[in-house]
Amino acid sequence: MSYPYLEWYSDANGRVVLELDPSQVEILDQGVVPPRDKTSKELVKDDKKREKAMADFMSGMVKELSRENRKKGGDGKVFGAVI
C-alpha cells in the first residue's frame, strides 16, 4: 500500500520524514507536467545520493557526539553504525 510522505534533510534536524494520511493531501493540477517513471540510471543515482546523505549525516552526528564527549571530560571516542 502506498501513502503520501514528504522527506527532506536539514542541517538542524538531519533527515526528516513526514508521513501523511491520504485524506490530508490534495493534489492541485496547475498545468504541471505529469510525473514520469524514472529510468534505472536515475534510480541508481538517487540511491547513491541517499546513501551519501545518510553517510554525511552519520559522520556529522558522530563528530558532534565526540566533541560533546570531550567537553564532558571523555576521550572523544564514539561509534555510530547503520544496520
Protein backbone atom coordinates (compact mmCIF):
# COMPACT_ATOMS: atom_id res chain seq x y z
CA MET A 1 0.00 0.00 0.00
CA SER A 2 1.37 3.41 -0.84
CA TYR A 3 0.94 6.54 1.20
CA PRO A 4 1.98 10.15 0.74
CA TYR A 5 5.04 11.46 2.52
CA LEU A 6 7.38 14.43 2.47
CA GLU A 7 11.08 13.93 3.05
CA TRP A 8 13.86 16.45 3.41
CA TYR A 9 17.23 16.96 5.02
CA SER A 10 18.22 19.94 7.12
CA ASP A 11 21.40 20.82 8.98
CA ALA A 12 19.36 21.47 12.13
CA ASN A 13 17.35 18.21 12.18
CA GLY A 14 19.04 15.80 9.80
CA ARG A 15 16.73 13.59 7.77
CA VAL A 16 13.07 14.36 8.33
CA VAL A 17 10.17 12.26 7.04
CA LEU A 18 6.57 13.37 7.42
CA GLU A 19 4.14 10.52 6.75
CA LEU A 20 0.62 11.59 5.89
CA ASP A 21 -2.78 10.00 5.62
CA PRO A 22 -4.14 10.22 2.05
CA SER A 23 -7.03 12.32 3.40
CA GLN A 24 -4.50 15.03 4.38
CA VAL A 25 -3.31 15.55 0.81
CA GLU A 26 -4.91 17.40 -2.07
CA ILE A 27 -3.24 17.42 -5.47
CA LEU A 28 -3.79 20.60 -7.43
CA ASP A 29 -3.24 20.46 -11.20
CA GLN A 30 -1.92 23.81 -12.36
CA GLY A 31 -0.89 22.64 -15.81
CA VAL A 32 2.23 20.99 -14.41
CA VAL A 33 3.83 18.26 -16.48
CA PRO A 34 2.70 14.92 -15.05
CA PRO A 35 5.38 12.87 -13.30
CA ARG A 36 7.10 10.16 -15.28
CA ASP A 37 8.72 6.93 -14.20
CA LYS A 38 12.43 7.31 -13.58
CA THR A 39 14.93 5.38 -15.64
CA SER A 40 17.02 2.70 -13.96
CA LYS A 41 20.03 5.04 -14.28
CA GLU A 42 18.13 7.79 -12.45
CA LEU A 43 17.03 5.36 -9.73
CA VAL A 44 20.65 4.24 -9.18
CA LYS A 45 21.75 7.89 -9.00
CA ASP A 46 19.01 8.60 -6.44
CA ASP A 47 20.07 5.60 -4.33
CA LYS A 48 23.68 6.80 -4.30
CA LYS A 49 22.57 10.31 -3.38
CA ARG A 50 20.51 8.96 -0.44
CA GLU A 51 23.40 6.75 0.71
CA LYS A 52 25.77 9.74 0.67
CA ALA A 53 23.27 11.90 2.57
CA MET A 54 22.91 9.22 5.27
CA ALA A 55 26.69 8.73 5.50
CA ASP A 56 27.20 12.50 5.80
CA PHE A 57 24.51 12.68 8.48
CA MET A 58 26.03 9.82 10.48
CA SER A 59 29.53 11.27 10.16
CA GLY A 60 28.34 14.67 11.38
CA MET A 61 26.45 13.09 14.27
CA VAL A 62 29.48 11.04 15.39
CA LYS A 63 31.74 14.11 15.18
CA GLU A 64 29.31 16.16 17.27
CA LEU A 65 28.92 13.38 19.85
CA SER A 66 32.70 13.09 20.03
CA ARG A 67 33.00 16.85 20.57
CA GLU A 68 30.37 16.73 23.33
CA ASN A 69 32.11 13.73 24.91
CA ARG A 70 35.41 15.63 25.08
CA LYS A 71 33.67 18.70 26.58
CA LYS A 72 32.47 16.46 29.41
CA GLY A 73 35.97 15.12 30.06
CA GLY A 74 35.75 11.97 27.95
CA ASP A 75 38.32 10.75 25.45
CA GLY A 76 36.07 11.65 22.50
CA LYS A 77 35.83 8.08 21.27
CA VAL A 78 32.31 7.34 19.99
CA PHE A 79 30.95 4.90 17.44
CA GLY A 80 27.98 5.04 15.07
CA ALA A 81 26.63 2.39 12.72
CA VAL A 82 23.70 1.94 10.37
CA ILE A 83 22.39 -1.62 10.31
